[in-house]
Amino acid sequence: MSKTISMCQGKGSLAHNNRKFLAKNIDSSRTKDNIVFVREKLDEAYIRLFGGAVERYNAKQKRADRKIGDYFKYLP
């Protein structure tokens, strides 16, 4: 038995994930019933969730190369 995994390559499509477009097979009269759980930029969510922990971690570090910098400068 083999197992497979799928993953996003590249940036992904926020328009798709947020449903900011209507495909031909969509009944637009029902879109008002859609539920949005979270619509937040990735960098804002990261800072909200981990910002305090990163600050506390960096405050303990004596060597600059051990400090956590800006993760988002590496994103395309």
PDB file of N, CA and C in Angstrom:
ATOM      1  N   MET A   1       0.845  -1.167   0.000  1.00  0.00           N
ATOM      2  CA  MET A   1       0.000   0.000   0.000  1.00  0.00           C
ATOM      3  C   MET A   1       0.895   1.236   0.000  1.00  0.00           C
ATOM      4  N   SER A   2       0.637   2.127  -0.938  1.00  0.00           N
ATOM      5  CA  SER A   2       1.432   3.354  -0.979  1.00  0.00           C
ATOM      6  C   SER A   2       0.606   4.527  -0.489  1.00  0.00           C
ATOM      7  N   LYS A   3       1.291   5.510   0.032  1.00  0.00           N
ATOM      8  CA  LYS A   3       0.641   6.708   0.520  1.00  0.00           C
ATOM      9  C   LYS A   3       1.147   7.893  -0.284  1.00  0.00           C
ATOM     10  N   THR A   4       0.294   8.849  -0.491  1.00  0.00           N
ATOM     11  CA  THR A   4       0.703  10.047  -1.203  1.00  0.00           C
ATOM     12  C   THR A   4       0.407  11.265  -0.345  1.00  0.00           C
ATOM     13  N   ILE A   5       1.060  12.326  -0.690  1.00  0.00           N
ATOM     14  CA  ILE A   5       0.843  13.583   0.005  1.00  0.00           C
ATOM     15  C   ILE A   5       0.744  14.674  -1.050  1.00  0.00           C
ATOM     16  N   SER A   6      -0.122  15.611  -0.834  1.00  0.00           N
ATOM     17  CA  SER A   6      -0.193  16.739  -1.760  1.00  0.00           C
ATOM     18  C   SER A   6       0.152  18.005  -0.998  1.00  0.00           C
ATOM     19  N   MET A   7       0.759  18.936  -1.691  1.00  0.00           N
ATOM     20  CA  MET A   7       1.119  20.193  -1.058  1.00  0.00           C
ATOM     21  C   MET A   7       1.127  21.291  -2.090  1.00  0.00           C
ATOM     22  N   CYS A   8       1.016  22.485  -1.612  1.00  0.00           N
ATOM     23  CA  CYS A   8       0.999  23.654  -2.481  1.00  0.00           C
ATOM     24  C   CYS A   8       2.419  23.939  -2.957  1.00  0.00           C
ATOM     25  N   GLN A   9       2.551  24.210  -4.220  1.00  0.00           N
ATOM     26  CA  GLN A   9       3.834  24.646  -4.756  1.00  0.00           C
ATOM     27  C   GLN A   9       3.667  26.086  -5.197  1.00  0.00           C
ATOM     28  N   GLY A  10       4.547  26.936  -4.771  1.00  0.00           N
ATOM     29  CA  GLY A  10       4.419  28.345  -5.106  1.00  0.00           C
ATOM     30  C   GLY A  10       3.616  29.074  -4.042  1.00  0.00           C
ATOM     31  N   LYS A  11       3.041  30.202  -4.432  1.00  0.00           N
ATOM     32  CA  LYS A  11       2.330  31.056  -3.488  1.00  0.00           C
ATOM     33  C   LYS A  11       0.958  30.526  -3.116  1.00  0.00           C
ATOM     34  N   GLY A  12       0.355  29.716  -3.959  1.00  0.00           N
ATOM     35  CA  GLY A  12      -1.029  29.328  -3.720  1.00  0.00           C
ATOM     36  C   GLY A  12      -1.938  30.412  -4.274  1.00  0.00           C
ATOM     37  N   SER A  13      -3.206  30.293  -4.039  1.00  0.00           N
ATOM     38  CA  SER A  13      -4.144  31.272  -4.572  1.00  0.00           C
ATOM     39  C   SER A  13      -5.078  31.749  -3.470  1.00  0.00           C
ATOM     40  N   LEU A  14      -4.793  32.934  -2.939  1.00  0.00           N
ATOM     41  CA  LEU A  14      -5.664  33.479  -1.902  1.00  0.00           C
ATOM     42  C   LEU A  14      -7.051  33.774  -2.452  1.00  0.00           C
ATOM     43  N   ALA A  15      -7.128  34.154  -3.730  1.00  0.00           N
ATOM     44  CA  ALA A  15      -8.440  34.411  -4.334  1.00  0.00           C
ATOM     45  C   ALA A  15      -9.273  33.131  -4.316  1.00  0.00           C
ATOM     46  N   HIS A  16      -8.638  31.993  -4.553  1.00  0.00           N
ATOM     47  CA  HIS A  16      -9.352  30.718  -4.514  1.00  0.00           C
ATOM     48  C   HIS A  16      -9.755  30.383  -3.082  1.00  0.00           C
ATOM     49  N   ASN A  17      -8.818  30.497  -2.166  1.00  0.00           N
ATOM     50  CA  ASN A  17      -9.099  30.141  -0.780  1.00  0.00           C
ATOM     51  C   ASN A  17     -10.154  31.052  -0.157  1.00  0.00           C
ATOM     52  N   ASN A  18     -10.156  32.324  -0.531  1.00  0.00           N
ATOM     53  CA  ASN A  18     -11.115  33.277   0.015  1.00  0.00           C
ATOM     54  C   ASN A  18     -12.381  33.364  -0.820  1.00  0.00           C
ATOM     55  N   ARG A  19     -12.431  32.624  -1.914  1.00  0.00           N
ATOM     56  CA  ARG A  19     -13.596  32.589  -2.801  1.00  0.00           C
ATOM     57  C   ARG A  19     -13.966  33.989  -3.288  1.00  0.00           C
ATOM     58  N   LYS A  20     -12.961  34.718  -3.778  1.00  0.00           N
ATOM     59  CA  LYS A  20     -13.202  36.058  -4.296  1.00  0.00           C
ATOM     60  C   LYS A  20     -13.600  36.030  -5.770  1.00  0.00           C
ATOM     61  N   PHE A  21     -13.847  34.887  -6.311  1.00  0.00           N
ATOM     62  CA  PHE A  21     -14.283  34.777  -7.699  1.00  0.00           C
ATOM     63  C   PHE A  21     -15.458  33.813  -7.746  1.00  0.00           C
ATOM     64  N   LEU A  22     -16.225  33.866  -8.802  1.00  0.00           N
ATOM     65  CA  LEU A  22     -17.340  32.939  -8.967  1.00  0.00           C
ATOM     66  C   LEU A  22     -17.104  32.097 -10.208  1.00  0.00           C
ATOM     67  N   ALA A  23     -17.018  30.799 -10.026  1.00  0.00           N
ATOM     68  CA  ALA A  23     -16.875  29.871 -11.149  1.00  0.00           C
ATOM     69  C   ALA A  23     -18.226  29.726 -11.848  1.00  0.00           C
ATOM     70  N   LYS A  24     -18.203  29.174 -13.038  1.00  0.00           N
ATOM     71  CA  LYS A  24     -19.434  29.030 -13.829  1.00  0.00           C
ATOM     72  C   LYS A  24     -20.467  28.128 -13.153  1.00  0.00           C
ATOM     73  N   ASN A  25     -20.006  27.174 -12.362  1.00  0.00           N
ATOM     74  CA  ASN A  25     -20.933  26.213 -11.754  1.00  0.00           C
ATOM     75  C   ASN A  25     -21.426  26.635 -10.365  1.00  0.00           C
ATOM     76  N   ILE A  26     -21.241  27.887  -9.985  1.00  0.00           N
ATOM     77  CA  ILE A  26     -21.642  28.384  -8.669  1.00  0.00           C
ATOM     78  C   ILE A  26     -23.011  29.057  -8.746  1.00  0.00           C
ATOM     79  N   ASP A  27     -23.860  28.729  -7.807  1.00  0.00           N
ATOM     80  CA  ASP A  27     -25.155  29.399  -7.683  1.00  0.00           C
ATOM     81  C   ASP A  27     -24.938  30.627  -6.798  1.00  0.00           C
ATOM     82  N   SER A  28     -24.811  31.799  -7.419  1.00  0.00           N
ATOM     83  CA  SER A  28     -24.454  33.011  -6.680  1.00  0.00           C
ATOM     84  C   SER A  28     -25.506  33.418  -5.649  1.00  0.00           C
ATOM     85  N   SER A  29     -26.731  32.952  -5.790  1.00  0.00           N
ATOM     86  CA  SER A  29     -27.760  33.307  -4.803  1.00  0.00           C
ATOM     87  C   SER A  29     -27.506  32.626  -3.453  1.00  0.00           C
ATOM     88  N   ARG A  30     -26.654  31.621  -3.419  1.00  0.00           N
ATOM     89  CA  ARG A  30     -26.389  30.898  -2.171  1.00  0.00           C
ATOM     90  C   ARG A  30     -25.090  31.328  -1.496  1.00  0.00           C
ATOM     91  N   THR A  31     -24.310  32.197  -2.131  1.00  0.00           N
ATOM     92  CA  THR A  31     -23.021  32.573  -1.549  1.00  0.00           C
ATOM     93  C   THR A  31     -23.172  33.374  -0.262  1.00  0.00           C
ATOM     94  N   LYS A  32     -24.316  33.995  -0.052  1.00  0.00           N
ATOM     95  CA  LYS A  32     -24.541  34.732   1.200  1.00  0.00           C
ATOM     96  C   LYS A  32     -24.503  33.791   2.410  1.00  0.00           C
ATOM     97  N   ASP A  33     -24.698  32.502   2.174  1.00  0.00           N
ATOM     98  CA  ASP A  33     -24.689  31.521   3.258  1.00  0.00           C
ATOM     99  C   ASP A  33     -23.287  30.984   3.578  1.00  0.00           C
ATOM    100  N   ASN A  34     -22.288  31.407   2.809  1.00  0.00           N
ATOM    101  CA  ASN A  34     -20.921  30.944   3.051  1.00  0.00           C
ATOM    102  C   ASN A  34     -20.445  31.393   4.433  1.00  0.00           C
ATOM    103  N   ILE A  35     -19.630  30.575   5.059  1.00  0.00           N
ATOM    104  CA  ILE A  35     -19.072  30.889   6.367  1.00  0.00           C
ATOM    105  C   ILE A  35     -17.577  31.141   6.189  1.00  0.00           C
ATOM    106  N   VAL A  36     -17.104  32.269   6.693  1.00  0.00           N
ATOM    107  CA  VAL A  36     -15.686  32.600   6.648  1.00  0.00           C
ATOM    108  C   VAL A  36     -15.144  32.427   8.056  1.00  0.00           C
ATOM    109  N   PHE A  37     -14.200  31.520   8.229  1.00  0.00           N
ATOM    110  CA  PHE A  37     -13.628  31.277   9.548  1.00  0.00           C
ATOM    111  C   PHE A  37     -12.565  32.311   9.880  1.00  0.00           C
ATOM    112  N   VAL A  38     -11.582  32.471   9.000  1.00  0.00           N
ATOM    113  CA  VAL A  38     -10.501  33.434   9.209  1.00  0.00           C
ATOM    114  C   VAL A  38     -10.083  33.969   7.852  1.00  0.00           C
ATOM    115  N   ARG A  39      -9.939  35.268   7.782  1.00  0.00           N
ATOM    116  CA  ARG A  39      -9.380  35.893   6.576  1.00  0.00           C
ATOM    117  C   ARG A  39      -8.346  36.886   7.078  1.00  0.00           C
ATOM    118  N   GLU A  40      -7.098  36.444   7.103  1.00  0.00           N
ATOM    119  CA  GLU A  40      -6.036  37.251   7.689  1.00  0.00           C
ATOM    120  C   GLU A  40      -4.752  37.006   6.900  1.00  0.00           C
ATOM    121  N   LYS A  41      -3.976  38.043   6.738  1.00  0.00           N
ATOM    122  CA  LYS A  41      -2.692  37.894   6.047  1.00  0.00           C
ATOM    123  C   LYS A  41      -1.780  37.006   6.882  1.00  0.00           C
ATOM    124  N   LEU A  42      -0.950  36.232   6.195  1.00  0.00           N
ATOM    125  CA  LEU A  42      -0.072  35.283   6.880  1.00  0.00           C
ATOM    126  C   LEU A  42       0.872  35.975   7.849  1.00  0.00           C
ATOM    127  N   ASP A  43       1.486  37.073   7.428  1.00  0.00           N
ATOM    128  CA  ASP A  43       2.436  37.742   8.320  1.00  0.00           C
ATOM    129  C   ASP A  43       1.741  38.330   9.548  1.00  0.00           C
ATOM    130  N   GLU A  44       0.521  38.832   9.386  1.00  0.00           N
ATOM    131  CA  GLU A  44      -0.222  39.358  10.538  1.00  0.00           C
ATOM    132  C   GLU A  44      -0.603  38.243  11.507  1.00  0.00           C
ATOM    133  N   ALA A  45      -1.007  37.104  10.972  1.00  0.00           N
ATOM    134  CA  ALA A  45      -1.363  35.965  11.828  1.00  0.00           C
ATOM    135  C   ALA A  45      -0.139  35.463  12.587  1.00  0.00           C
ATOM    136  N   TYR A  46       1.011  35.392  11.913  1.00  0.00           N
ATOM    137  CA  TYR A  46       2.242  34.926  12.554  1.00  0.00           C
ATOM    138  C   TYR A  46       2.611  35.841  13.713  1.00  0.00           C
ATOM    139  N   ILE A  47       2.571  37.152  13.455  1.00  0.00           N
ATOM    140  CA  ILE A  47       2.942  38.104  14.510  1.00  0.00           C
ATOM    141  C   ILE A  47       1.961  38.012  15.676  1.00  0.00           C
ATOM    142  N   ARG A  48       0.676  37.910  15.371  1.00  0.00           N
ATOM    143  CA  ARG A  48      -0.330  37.805  16.431  1.00  0.00           C
ATOM    144  C   ARG A  48      -0.127  36.548  17.279  1.00  0.00           C
ATOM    145  N   LEU A  49       0.182  35.439  16.624  1.00  0.00           N
ATOM    146  CA  LEU A  49       0.310  34.164  17.337  1.00  0.00           C
ATOM    147  C   LEU A  49       1.669  33.970  18.000  1.00  0.00           C
ATOM    148  N   PHE A  50       2.737  34.370  17.308  1.00  0.00           N
ATOM    149  CA  PHE A  50       4.079  34.036  17.776  1.00  0.00           C
ATOM    150  C   PHE A  50       4.948  35.239  18.110  1.00  0.00           C
ATOM    151  N   GLY A  51       4.458  36.449  17.870  1.00  0.00           N
ATOM    152  CA  GLY A  51       5.279  37.652  18.075  1.00  0.00           C
ATOM    153  C   GLY A  51       5.846  37.764  19.476  1.00  0.00           C
ATOM    154  N   GLY A  52       5.011  37.555  20.477  1.00  0.00           N
ATOM    155  CA  GLY A  52       5.475  37.651  21.862  1.00  0.00           C
ATOM    156  C   GLY A  52       6.527  36.608  22.196  1.00  0.00           C
ATOM    157  N   ALA A  53       6.323  35.393  21.736  1.00  0.00           N
ATOM    158  CA  ALA A  53       7.283  34.314  22.006  1.00  0.00           C
ATOM    159  C   ALA A  53       8.616  34.595  21.316  1.00  0.00           C
ATOM    160  N   VAL A  54       8.566  35.111  20.101  1.00  0.00           N
ATOM    161  CA  VAL A  54       9.804  35.437  19.377  1.00  0.00           C
ATOM    162  C   VAL A  54      10.546  36.555  20.110  1.00  0.00           C
ATOM    163  N   GLU A  55       9.844  37.560  20.577  1.00  0.00           N
ATOM    164  CA  GLU A  55      10.488  38.647  21.326  1.00  0.00           C
ATOM    165  C   GLU A  55      11.150  38.131  22.593  1.00  0.00           C
ATOM    166  N   ARG A  56      10.451  37.268  23.337  1.00  0.00           N
ATOM    167  CA  ARG A  56      11.026  36.708  24.568  1.00  0.00           C
ATOM    168  C   ARG A  56      12.252  35.851  24.252  1.00  0.00           C
ATOM    169  N   TYR A  57      12.171  35.058  23.186  1.00  0.00           N
ATOM    170  CA  TYR A  57      13.303  34.220  22.785  1.00  0.00           C
ATOM    171  C   TYR A  57      14.501  35.090  22.419  1.00  0.00           C
ATOM    172  N   ASN A  58      14.254  36.097  21.572  1.00  0.00           N
ATOM    173  CA  ASN A  58      15.346  36.967  21.127  1.00  0.00           C
ATOM    174  C   ASN A  58      15.970  37.736  22.288  1.00  0.00           C
ATOM    175  N   ALA A  59      15.178  38.103  23.288  1.00  0.00           N
ATOM    176  CA  ALA A  59      15.695  38.843  24.438  1.00  0.00           C
ATOM    177  C   ALA A  59      16.688  37.997  25.236  1.00  0.00           C
ATOM    178  N   LYS A  60      16.546  36.694  25.224  1.00  0.00           N
ATOM    179  CA  LYS A  60      17.441  35.798  25.971  1.00  0.00           C
ATOM    180  C   LYS A  60      18.747  35.528  25.231  1.00  0.00           C
ATOM    181  N   GLN A  61      18.767  35.745  23.924  1.00  0.00           N
ATOM    182  CA  GLN A  61      19.933  35.375  23.124  1.00  0.00           C
ATOM    183  C   GLN A  61      21.039  36.415  23.247  1.00  0.00           C
ATOM    184  N   LYS A  62      22.254  35.932  23.435  1.00  0.00           N
ATOM    185  CA  LYS A  62      23.403  36.816  23.513  1.00  0.00           C
ATOM    186  C   LYS A  62      24.084  36.945  22.145  1.00  0.00           C
ATOM    187  N   ARG A  63      23.964  35.921  21.332  1.00  0.00           N
ATOM    188  CA  ARG A  63      24.582  35.935  19.994  1.00  0.00           C
ATOM    189  C   ARG A  63      23.543  36.343  18.952  1.00  0.00           C
ATOM    190  N   ALA A  64      23.909  37.282  18.103  1.00  0.00           N
ATOM    191  CA  ALA A  64      22.987  37.799  17.088  1.00  0.00           C
ATOM    192  C   ALA A  64      22.565  36.712  16.100  1.00  0.00           C
ATOM    193  N   ASP A  65      23.468  35.744  15.816  1.00  0.00           N
ATOM    194  CA  ASP A  65      23.136  34.707  14.833  1.00  0.00           C
ATOM    195  C   ASP A  65      22.099  33.715  15.355  1.00  0.00           C
ATOM    196  N   ARG A  66      21.800  33.757  16.646  1.00  0.00           N
ATOM    197  CA  ARG A  66      20.785  32.872  17.208  1.00  0.00           C
ATOM    198  C   ARG A  66      19.406  33.520  17.276  1.00  0.00           C
ATOM    199  N   LYS A  67      19.346  34.828  17.012  1.00  0.00           N
ATOM    200  CA  LYS A  67      18.071  35.532  17.084  1.00  0.00           C
ATOM    201  C   LYS A  67      17.228  35.240  15.858  1.00  0.00           C
ATOM    202  N   ILE A  68      15.918  35.179  16.072  1.00  0.00           N
ATOM    203  CA  ILE A  68      14.981  34.951  14.983  1.00  0.00           C
ATOM    204  C   ILE A  68      14.676  36.298  14.354  1.00  0.00           C
ATOM    205  N   GLY A  69      14.941  36.387  13.050  1.00  0.00           N
ATOM    206  CA  GLY A  69      14.703  37.634  12.329  1.00  0.00           C
ATOM    207  C   GLY A  69      13.345  37.640  11.659  1.00  0.00           C
ATOM    208  N   ASP A  70      13.273  38.269  10.533  1.00  0.00           N
ATOM    209  CA  ASP A  70      12.022  38.399   9.779  1.00  0.00           C
ATOM    210  C   ASP A  70      11.866  37.181   8.883  1.00  0.00           C
ATOM    211  N   TYR A  71      10.945  36.277   9.224  1.00  0.00           N
ATOM    212  CA  TYR A  71      10.702  35.080   8.431  1.00  0.00           C
ATOM    213  C   TYR A  71      10.163  35.423   7.048  1.00  0.00           C
ATOM    214  N   PHE A  72       9.480  36.539   6.942  1.00  0.00           N
ATOM    215  CA  PHE A  72       8.743  36.840   5.725  1.00  0.00           C
ATOM    216  C   PHE A  72       9.591  37.464   4.635  1.00  0.00           C
ATOM    217  N   LYS A  73      10.831  37.793   4.918  1.00  0.00           N
ATOM    218  CA  LYS A  73      11.678  38.330   3.858  1.00  0.00           C
ATOM    219  C   LYS A  73      12.047  37.234   2.859  1.00  0.00           C
ATOM    220  N   TYR A  74      11.850  35.979   3.201  1.00  0.00           N
ATOM    221  CA  TYR A  74      12.198  34.873   2.324  1.00  0.00           C
ATOM    222  C   TYR A  74      11.039  34.463   1.411  1.00  0.00           C
ATOM    223  N   LEU A  75       9.840  34.973   1.683  1.00  0.00           N
ATOM    224  CA  LEU A  75       8.687  34.617   0.860  1.00  0.00           C
ATOM    225  C   LEU A  75       8.740  35.347  -0.471  1.00  0.00           C
ATOM    226  N   PRO A  76       8.285  34.690  -1.544  1.00  0.00           N
ATOM    227  CA  PRO A  76       8.310  35.350  -2.873  1.00  0.00           C
ATOM    228  C   PRO A  76       7.328  36.493  -2.949  1.00  0.00           C
TER     229      PRO A  76
END
